[in-house]
Amino acid sequence: YIQVFASRIRFWDEQTDRLREKAEKAPVEHRLAFRQKMLELQEKRTEATDLLAKLREAGEDDWYALKTRADTLMTEEDFLGRRAA
């Protein structure tokens, strides 16, 4: 599960990079929207990275609660990524 979650974070990084490229090419009036979306993605990515570190260190009792949060975060992040693309 940890490897899957780490892979998902790398995928989100790629999406953010593509979004950054689109923002650079976008008309000025659309750049703010792209920047806002990138900030949302970056905040979720930071949360995901912190959560990944906690998952790696968690004992059995904490692991399931953290996994549930990771599952939720993956769903939210995928949704944000699709909206931003």
PDB file of N, CA and C in Angstrom:
ATOM      1  N   TYR A   1       0.825  -1.201   0.000  1.00  0.00           N
ATOM      2  CA  TYR A   1       0.000   0.000   0.000  1.00  0.00           C
ATOM      3  C   TYR A   1       0.864   1.257   0.000  1.00  0.00           C
ATOM      4  N   ILE A   2       1.921   1.225   0.771  1.00  0.00           N
ATOM      5  CA  ILE A   2       2.816   2.383   0.846  1.00  0.00           C
ATOM      6  C   ILE A   2       3.435   2.668  -0.516  1.00  0.00           C
ATOM      7  N   GLN A   3       3.827   1.640  -1.237  1.00  0.00           N
ATOM      8  CA  GLN A   3       4.400   1.836  -2.575  1.00  0.00           C
ATOM      9  C   GLN A   3       3.362   2.421  -3.538  1.00  0.00           C
ATOM     10  N   VAL A   4       2.140   1.962  -3.437  1.00  0.00           N
ATOM     11  CA  VAL A   4       1.059   2.487  -4.287  1.00  0.00           C
ATOM     12  C   VAL A   4       0.831   3.969  -3.984  1.00  0.00           C
ATOM     13  N   PHE A   5       0.792   4.301  -2.712  1.00  0.00           N
ATOM     14  CA  PHE A   5       0.570   5.683  -2.307  1.00  0.00           C
ATOM     15  C   PHE A   5       1.731   6.575  -2.755  1.00  0.00           C
ATOM     16  N   ALA A   6       2.961   6.093  -2.609  1.00  0.00           N
ATOM     17  CA  ALA A   6       4.132   6.858  -3.060  1.00  0.00           C
ATOM     18  C   ALA A   6       4.092   7.049  -4.573  1.00  0.00           C
ATOM     19  N   SER A   7       3.674   6.021  -5.286  1.00  0.00           N
ATOM     20  CA  SER A   7       3.547   6.128  -6.747  1.00  0.00           C
ATOM     21  C   SER A   7       2.494   7.158  -7.126  1.00  0.00           C
ATOM     22  N   ARG A   8       1.414   7.195  -6.386  1.00  0.00           N
ATOM     23  CA  ARG A   8       0.344   8.160  -6.657  1.00  0.00           C
ATOM     24  C   ARG A   8       0.846   9.583  -6.446  1.00  0.00           C
ATOM     25  N   ILE A   9       1.664   9.788  -5.426  1.00  0.00           N
ATOM     26  CA  ILE A   9       2.228  11.113  -5.174  1.00  0.00           C
ATOM     27  C   ILE A   9       3.106  11.542  -6.353  1.00  0.00           C
ATOM     28  N   ARG A  10       3.910  10.632  -6.873  1.00  0.00           N
ATOM     29  CA  ARG A  10       4.744  10.959  -8.048  1.00  0.00           C
ATOM     30  C   ARG A  10       3.859  11.306  -9.248  1.00  0.00           C
ATOM     31  N   PHE A  11       2.768  10.589  -9.423  1.00  0.00           N
ATOM     32  CA  PHE A  11       1.832  10.885 -10.509  1.00  0.00           C
ATOM     33  C   PHE A  11       1.255  12.287 -10.350  1.00  0.00           C
ATOM     34  N   TRP A  12       0.888  12.658  -9.116  1.00  0.00           N
ATOM     35  CA  TRP A  12       0.356  14.000  -8.872  1.00  0.00           C
ATOM     36  C   TRP A  12       1.399  15.069  -9.175  1.00  0.00           C
ATOM     37  N   ASP A  13       2.667  14.756  -8.884  1.00  0.00           N
ATOM     38  CA  ASP A  13       3.743  15.695  -9.225  1.00  0.00           C
ATOM     39  C   ASP A  13       3.788  15.926 -10.735  1.00  0.00           C
ATOM     40  N   GLU A  14       3.631  14.855 -11.490  1.00  0.00           N
ATOM     41  CA  GLU A  14       3.620  14.966 -12.950  1.00  0.00           C
ATOM     42  C   GLU A  14       2.432  15.806 -13.418  1.00  0.00           C
ATOM     43  N   GLN A  15       1.274  15.600 -12.818  1.00  0.00           N
ATOM     44  CA  GLN A  15       0.097  16.392 -13.176  1.00  0.00           C
ATOM     45  C   GLN A  15       0.325  17.870 -12.884  1.00  0.00           C
ATOM     46  N   THR A  16       0.945  18.156 -11.745  1.00  0.00           N
ATOM     47  CA  THR A  16       1.218  19.538 -11.375  1.00  0.00           C
ATOM     48  C   THR A  16       2.182  20.164 -12.373  1.00  0.00           C
ATOM     49  N   ASP A  17       3.187  19.410 -12.803  1.00  0.00           N
ATOM     50  CA  ASP A  17       4.129  19.918 -13.802  1.00  0.00           C
ATOM     51  C   ASP A  17       3.421  20.227 -15.116  1.00  0.00           C
ATOM     52  N   ARG A  18       2.533  19.335 -15.537  1.00  0.00           N
ATOM     53  CA  ARG A  18       1.775  19.585 -16.779  1.00  0.00           C
ATOM     54  C   ARG A  18       0.885  20.811 -16.639  1.00  0.00           C
ATOM     55  N   LEU A  19       0.290  20.958 -15.485  1.00  0.00           N
ATOM     56  CA  LEU A  19      -0.566  22.115 -15.229  1.00  0.00           C
ATOM     57  C   LEU A  19       0.258  23.401 -15.267  1.00  0.00           C
ATOM     58  N   ARG A  20       1.459  23.352 -14.714  1.00  0.00           N
ATOM     59  CA  ARG A  20       2.353  24.512 -14.738  1.00  0.00           C
ATOM     60  C   ARG A  20       2.680  24.900 -16.183  1.00  0.00           C
ATOM     61  N   GLU A  21       2.942  23.900 -17.018  1.00  0.00           N
ATOM     62  CA  GLU A  21       3.231  24.163 -18.431  1.00  0.00           C
ATOM     63  C   GLU A  21       2.032  24.807 -19.124  1.00  0.00           C
ATOM     64  N   LYS A  22       0.834  24.299 -18.835  1.00  0.00           N
ATOM     65  CA  LYS A  22      -0.374  24.889 -19.410  1.00  0.00           C
ATOM     66  C   LYS A  22      -0.540  26.329 -18.956  1.00  0.00           C
ATOM     67  N   ALA A  23      -0.257  26.576 -17.690  1.00  0.00           N
ATOM     68  CA  ALA A  23      -0.410  27.925 -17.142  1.00  0.00           C
ATOM     69  C   ALA A  23       0.528  28.901 -17.834  1.00  0.00           C
ATOM     70  N   GLU A  24       1.737  28.452 -18.122  1.00  0.00           N
ATOM     71  CA  GLU A  24       2.708  29.320 -18.783  1.00  0.00           C
ATOM     72  C   GLU A  24       2.258  29.688 -20.196  1.00  0.00           C
ATOM     73  N   LYS A  25       1.533  28.796 -20.846  1.00  0.00           N
ATOM     74  CA  LYS A  25       1.082  29.030 -22.219  1.00  0.00           C
ATOM     75  C   LYS A  25      -0.300  29.680 -22.287  1.00  0.00           C
ATOM     76  N   ALA A  26      -0.984  29.711 -21.175  1.00  0.00           N
ATOM     77  CA  ALA A  26      -2.367  30.211 -21.147  1.00  0.00           C
ATOM     78  C   ALA A  26      -2.406  31.733 -21.264  1.00  0.00           C
ATOM     79  N   PRO A  27      -3.525  32.244 -21.778  1.00  0.00           N
ATOM     80  CA  PRO A  27      -3.703  33.696 -21.781  1.00  0.00           C
ATOM     81  C   PRO A  27      -3.673  34.230 -20.348  1.00  0.00           C
ATOM     82  N   VAL A  28      -3.255  35.447 -20.219  1.00  0.00           N
ATOM     83  CA  VAL A  28      -3.092  36.063 -18.904  1.00  0.00           C
ATOM     84  C   VAL A  28      -4.344  35.930 -18.049  1.00  0.00           C
ATOM     85  N   GLU A  29      -5.508  36.106 -18.630  1.00  0.00           N
ATOM     86  CA  GLU A  29      -6.751  36.075 -17.855  1.00  0.00           C
ATOM     87  C   GLU A  29      -7.061  34.688 -17.267  1.00  0.00           C
ATOM     88  N   HIS A  30      -6.409  33.644 -17.762  1.00  0.00           N
ATOM     89  CA  HIS A  30      -6.636  32.292 -17.259  1.00  0.00           C
ATOM     90  C   HIS A  30      -5.542  31.825 -16.297  1.00  0.00           C
ATOM     91  N   ARG A  31      -4.448  32.543 -16.233  1.00  0.00           N
ATOM     92  CA  ARG A  31      -3.314  32.102 -15.418  1.00  0.00           C
ATOM     93  C   ARG A  31      -3.642  32.046 -13.931  1.00  0.00           C
ATOM     94  N   LEU A  32      -4.433  32.969 -13.443  1.00  0.00           N
ATOM     95  CA  LEU A  32      -4.771  32.973 -12.023  1.00  0.00           C
ATOM     96  C   LEU A  32      -5.507  31.693 -11.644  1.00  0.00           C
ATOM     97  N   ALA A  33      -6.426  31.262 -12.471  1.00  0.00           N
ATOM     98  CA  ALA A  33      -7.159  30.022 -12.197  1.00  0.00           C
ATOM     99  C   ALA A  33      -6.207  28.823 -12.164  1.00  0.00           C
ATOM    100  N   PHE A  34      -5.266  28.784 -13.099  1.00  0.00           N
ATOM    101  CA  PHE A  34      -4.284  27.710 -13.102  1.00  0.00           C
ATOM    102  C   PHE A  34      -3.437  27.750 -11.832  1.00  0.00           C
ATOM    103  N   ARG A  35      -3.011  28.931 -11.444  1.00  0.00           N
ATOM    104  CA  ARG A  35      -2.183  29.058 -10.233  1.00  0.00           C
ATOM    105  C   ARG A  35      -2.939  28.605  -8.990  1.00  0.00           C
ATOM    106  N   GLN A  36      -4.210  28.963  -8.910  1.00  0.00           N
ATOM    107  CA  GLN A  36      -5.015  28.540  -7.761  1.00  0.00           C
ATOM    108  C   GLN A  36      -5.134  27.020  -7.711  1.00  0.00           C
ATOM    109  N   LYS A  37      -5.342  26.421  -8.861  1.00  0.00           N
ATOM    110  CA  LYS A  37      -5.460  24.962  -8.929  1.00  0.00           C
ATOM    111  C   LYS A  37      -4.134  24.309  -8.548  1.00  0.00           C
ATOM    112  N   MET A  38      -3.022  24.890  -9.010  1.00  0.00           N
ATOM    113  CA  MET A  38      -1.717  24.344  -8.657  1.00  0.00           C
ATOM    114  C   MET A  38      -1.469  24.445  -7.151  1.00  0.00           C
ATOM    115  N   LEU A  39      -1.888  25.539  -6.539  1.00  0.00           N
ATOM    116  CA  LEU A  39      -1.738  25.678  -5.091  1.00  0.00           C
ATOM    117  C   LEU A  39      -2.539  24.614  -4.346  1.00  0.00           C
ATOM    118  N   GLU A  40      -3.755  24.354  -4.810  1.00  0.00           N
ATOM    119  CA  GLU A  40      -4.575  23.302  -4.198  1.00  0.00           C
ATOM    120  C   GLU A  40      -3.871  21.949  -4.303  1.00  0.00           C
ATOM    121  N   LEU A  41      -3.359  21.653  -5.491  1.00  0.00           N
ATOM    122  CA  LEU A  41      -2.669  20.386  -5.700  1.00  0.00           C
ATOM    123  C   LEU A  41      -1.418  20.294  -4.832  1.00  0.00           C
ATOM    124  N   GLN A  42      -0.682  21.378  -4.726  1.00  0.00           N
ATOM    125  CA  GLN A  42       0.544  21.371  -3.930  1.00  0.00           C
ATOM    126  C   GLN A  42       0.238  21.183  -2.438  1.00  0.00           C
ATOM    127  N   GLU A  43      -0.840  21.799  -1.965  1.00  0.00           N
ATOM    128  CA  GLU A  43      -1.228  21.617  -0.562  1.00  0.00           C
ATOM    129  C   GLU A  43      -1.593  20.161  -0.287  1.00  0.00           C
ATOM    130  N   LYS A  44      -2.348  19.568  -1.191  1.00  0.00           N
ATOM    131  CA  LYS A  44      -2.731  18.160  -1.027  1.00  0.00           C
ATOM    132  C   LYS A  44      -1.503  17.259  -1.125  1.00  0.00           C
ATOM    133  N   ARG A  45      -0.569  17.613  -1.975  1.00  0.00           N
ATOM    134  CA  ARG A  45       0.647  16.824  -2.133  1.00  0.00           C
ATOM    135  C   ARG A  45       1.473  16.875  -0.847  1.00  0.00           C
ATOM    136  N   THR A  46       1.564  18.044  -0.240  1.00  0.00           N
ATOM    137  CA  THR A  46       2.282  18.175   1.031  1.00  0.00           C
ATOM    138  C   THR A  46       1.618  17.320   2.101  1.00  0.00           C
ATOM    139  N   GLU A  47       0.303  17.374   2.157  1.00  0.00           N
ATOM    140  CA  GLU A  47      -0.430  16.547   3.111  1.00  0.00           C
ATOM    141  C   GLU A  47      -0.168  15.066   2.843  1.00  0.00           C
ATOM    142  N   ALA A  48      -0.151  14.684   1.578  1.00  0.00           N
ATOM    143  CA  ALA A  48       0.073  13.288   1.212  1.00  0.00           C
ATOM    144  C   ALA A  48       1.478  12.837   1.602  1.00  0.00           C
ATOM    145  N   THR A  49       2.463  13.686   1.399  1.00  0.00           N
ATOM    146  CA  THR A  49       3.836  13.346   1.761  1.00  0.00           C
ATOM    147  C   THR A  49       3.967  13.161   3.271  1.00  0.00           C
ATOM    148  N   ASP A  50       3.351  14.051   4.030  1.00  0.00           N
ATOM    149  CA  ASP A  50       3.356  13.914   5.490  1.00  0.00           C
ATOM    150  C   ASP A  50       2.666  12.622   5.924  1.00  0.00           C
ATOM    151  N   LEU A  51       1.551  12.335   5.290  1.00  0.00           N
ATOM    152  CA  LEU A  51       0.801  11.128   5.605  1.00  0.00           C
ATOM    153  C   LEU A  51       1.605   9.874   5.258  1.00  0.00           C
ATOM    154  N   LEU A  52       2.308   9.906   4.141  1.00  0.00           N
ATOM    155  CA  LEU A  52       3.144   8.776   3.741  1.00  0.00           C
ATOM    156  C   LEU A  52       4.221   8.500   4.796  1.00  0.00           C
ATOM    157  N   ALA A  53       4.849   9.548   5.297  1.00  0.00           N
ATOM    158  CA  ALA A  53       5.863   9.379   6.338  1.00  0.00           C
ATOM    159  C   ALA A  53       5.242   8.753   7.591  1.00  0.00           C
ATOM    160  N   LYS A  54       4.051   9.198   7.948  1.00  0.00           N
ATOM    161  CA  LYS A  54       3.369   8.645   9.124  1.00  0.00           C
ATOM    162  C   LYS A  54       2.989   7.181   8.906  1.00  0.00           C
ATOM    163  N   LEU A  55       2.551   6.858   7.693  1.00  0.00           N
ATOM    164  CA  LEU A  55       2.200   5.467   7.385  1.00  0.00           C
ATOM    165  C   LEU A  55       3.411   4.559   7.541  1.00  0.00           C
ATOM    166  N   ARG A  56       4.563   5.033   7.105  1.00  0.00           N
ATOM    167  CA  ARG A  56       5.781   4.225   7.190  1.00  0.00           C
ATOM    168  C   ARG A  56       6.178   3.945   8.639  1.00  0.00           C
ATOM    169  N   GLU A  57       5.844   4.867   9.522  1.00  0.00           N
ATOM    170  CA  GLU A  57       6.248   4.745  10.917  1.00  0.00           C
ATOM    171  C   GLU A  57       5.147   4.195  11.831  1.00  0.00           C
ATOM    172  N   ALA A  58       3.934   4.105  11.331  1.00  0.00           N
ATOM    173  CA  ALA A  58       2.779   3.787  12.175  1.00  0.00           C
ATOM    174  C   ALA A  58       2.784   2.349  12.658  1.00  0.00           C
ATOM    175  N   GLY A  59       2.270   2.204  13.863  1.00  0.00           N
ATOM    176  CA  GLY A  59       2.003   0.871  14.387  1.00  0.00           C
ATOM    177  C   GLY A  59       0.661   0.400  13.844  1.00  0.00           C
ATOM    178  N   GLU A  60       0.319  -0.821  14.149  1.00  0.00           N
ATOM    179  CA  GLU A  60      -0.901  -1.412  13.599  1.00  0.00           C
ATOM    180  C   GLU A  60      -2.158  -0.627  13.960  1.00  0.00           C
ATOM    181  N   ASP A  61      -2.239  -0.150  15.190  1.00  0.00           N
ATOM    182  CA  ASP A  61      -3.435   0.585  15.618  1.00  0.00           C
ATOM    183  C   ASP A  61      -3.638   1.862  14.822  1.00  0.00           C
ATOM    184  N   ASP A  62      -2.578   2.614  14.613  1.00  0.00           N
ATOM    185  CA  ASP A  62      -2.673   3.892  13.895  1.00  0.00           C
ATOM    186  C   ASP A  62      -2.751   3.704  12.388  1.00  0.00           C
ATOM    187  N   TRP A  63      -2.177   2.597  11.894  1.00  0.00           N
ATOM    188  CA  TRP A  63      -2.035   2.405  10.465  1.00  0.00           C
ATOM    189  C   TRP A  63      -3.380   2.440   9.741  1.00  0.00           C
ATOM    190  N   TYR A  64      -4.378   1.795  10.279  1.00  0.00           N
ATOM    191  CA  TYR A  64      -5.674   1.724   9.594  1.00  0.00           C
ATOM    192  C   TYR A  64      -6.355   3.088   9.516  1.00  0.00           C
ATOM    193  N   ALA A  65      -6.236   3.881  10.561  1.00  0.00           N
ATOM    194  CA  ALA A  65      -6.805   5.237  10.522  1.00  0.00           C
ATOM    195  C   ALA A  65      -6.068   6.081   9.493  1.00  0.00           C
ATOM    196  N   LEU A  66      -4.748   5.952   9.443  1.00  0.00           N
ATOM    197  CA  LEU A  66      -3.959   6.703   8.466  1.00  0.00           C
ATOM    198  C   LEU A  66      -4.264   6.231   7.042  1.00  0.00           C
ATOM    199  N   LYS A  67      -4.447   4.927   6.879  1.00  0.00           N
ATOM    200  CA  LYS A  67      -4.771   4.386   5.552  1.00  0.00           C
ATOM    201  C   LYS A  67      -6.114   4.931   5.072  1.00  0.00           C
ATOM    202  N   THR A  68      -7.068   5.023   5.969  1.00  0.00           N
ATOM    203  CA  THR A  68      -8.375   5.581   5.602  1.00  0.00           C
ATOM    204  C   THR A  68      -8.223   7.016   5.130  1.00  0.00           C
ATOM    205  N   ARG A  69      -7.419   7.804   5.832  1.00  0.00           N
ATOM    206  CA  ARG A  69      -7.173   9.193   5.413  1.00  0.00           C
ATOM    207  C   ARG A  69      -6.448   9.219   4.070  1.00  0.00           C
ATOM    208  N   ALA A  70      -5.501   8.320   3.861  1.00  0.00           N
ATOM    209  CA  ALA A  70      -4.778   8.261   2.590  1.00  0.00           C
ATOM    210  C   ALA A  70      -5.729   7.926   1.447  1.00  0.00           C
ATOM    211  N   ASP A  71      -6.637   6.989   1.677  1.00  0.00           N
ATOM    212  CA  ASP A  71      -7.624   6.642   0.647  1.00  0.00           C
ATOM    213  C   ASP A  71      -8.474   7.857   0.288  1.00  0.00           C
ATOM    214  N   THR A  72      -8.903   8.588   1.295  1.00  0.00           N
ATOM    215  CA  THR A  72      -9.709   9.790   1.067  1.00  0.00           C
ATOM    216  C   THR A  72      -8.905  10.834   0.306  1.00  0.00           C
ATOM    217  N   LEU A  73      -7.661  11.017   0.703  1.00  0.00           N
ATOM    218  CA  LEU A  73      -6.801  11.999   0.048  1.00  0.00           C
ATOM    219  C   LEU A  73      -6.569  11.636  -1.413  1.00  0.00           C
ATOM    220  N   MET A  74      -6.377  10.360  -1.697  1.00  0.00           N
ATOM    221  CA  MET A  74      -6.170   9.943  -3.088  1.00  0.00           C
ATOM    222  C   MET A  74      -7.398  10.267  -3.932  1.00  0.00           C
ATOM    223  N   THR A  75      -8.564  10.046  -3.380  1.00  0.00           N
ATOM    224  CA  THR A  75      -9.799  10.353  -4.105  1.00  0.00           C
ATOM    225  C   THR A  75      -9.922  11.859  -4.342  1.00  0.00           C
ATOM    226  N   GLU A  76      -9.664  12.651  -3.305  1.00  0.00           N
ATOM    227  CA  GLU A  76      -9.741  14.112  -3.443  1.00  0.00           C
ATOM    228  C   GLU A  76      -8.715  14.618  -4.453  1.00  0.00           C
ATOM    229  N   GLU A  77      -7.501  14.128  -4.356  1.00  0.00           N
ATOM    230  CA  GLU A  77      -6.424  14.579  -5.222  1.00  0.00           C
ATOM    231  C   GLU A  77      -6.693  14.186  -6.668  1.00  0.00           C
ATOM    232  N   ASP A  78      -7.197  12.971  -6.876  1.00  0.00           N
ATOM    233  CA  ASP A  78      -7.533  12.553  -8.241  1.00  0.00           C
ATOM    234  C   ASP A  78      -8.610  13.468  -8.815  1.00  0.00           C
ATOM    235  N   PHE A  79      -9.573  13.813  -7.995  1.00  0.00           N
ATOM    236  CA  PHE A  79     -10.648  14.709  -8.439  1.00  0.00           C
ATOM    237  C   PHE A  79     -10.086  16.086  -8.794  1.00  0.00           C
ATOM    238  N   LEU A  80      -9.215  16.626  -7.943  1.00  0.00           N
ATOM    239  CA  LEU A  80      -8.603  17.924  -8.227  1.00  0.00           C
ATOM    240  C   LEU A  80      -7.771  17.867  -9.500  1.00  0.00           C
ATOM    241  N   GLY A  81      -7.031  16.782  -9.662  1.00  0.00           N
ATOM    242  CA  GLY A  81      -6.206  16.629 -10.856  1.00  0.00           C
ATOM    243  C   GLY A  81      -7.023  16.570 -12.126  1.00  0.00           C
ATOM    244  N   ARG A  82      -8.150  15.854 -12.076  1.00  0.00           N
ATOM    245  CA  ARG A  82      -9.024  15.784 -13.261  1.00  0.00           C
ATOM    246  C   ARG A  82      -9.632  17.140 -13.567  1.00  0.00           C
ATOM    247  N   ARG A  83     -10.045  17.864 -12.518  1.00  0.00           N
ATOM    248  CA  ARG A  83     -10.629  19.185 -12.725  1.00  0.00           C
ATOM    249  C   ARG A  83      -9.603  20.154 -13.294  1.00  0.00           C
ATOM    250  N   ALA A  84      -8.357  20.006 -12.900  1.00  0.00           N
ATOM    251  CA  ALA A  84      -7.324  20.946 -13.316  1.00  0.00           C
ATOM    252  C   ALA A  84      -6.825  20.652 -14.722  1.00  0.00           C
ATOM    253  N   ALA A  85      -6.937  19.410 -15.142  1.00  0.00           N
ATOM    254  CA  ALA A  85      -6.367  19.013 -16.447  1.00  0.00           C
ATOM    255  C   ALA A  85      -7.130  19.618 -17.605  1.00  0.00           C
TER     256      ALA A  85
END
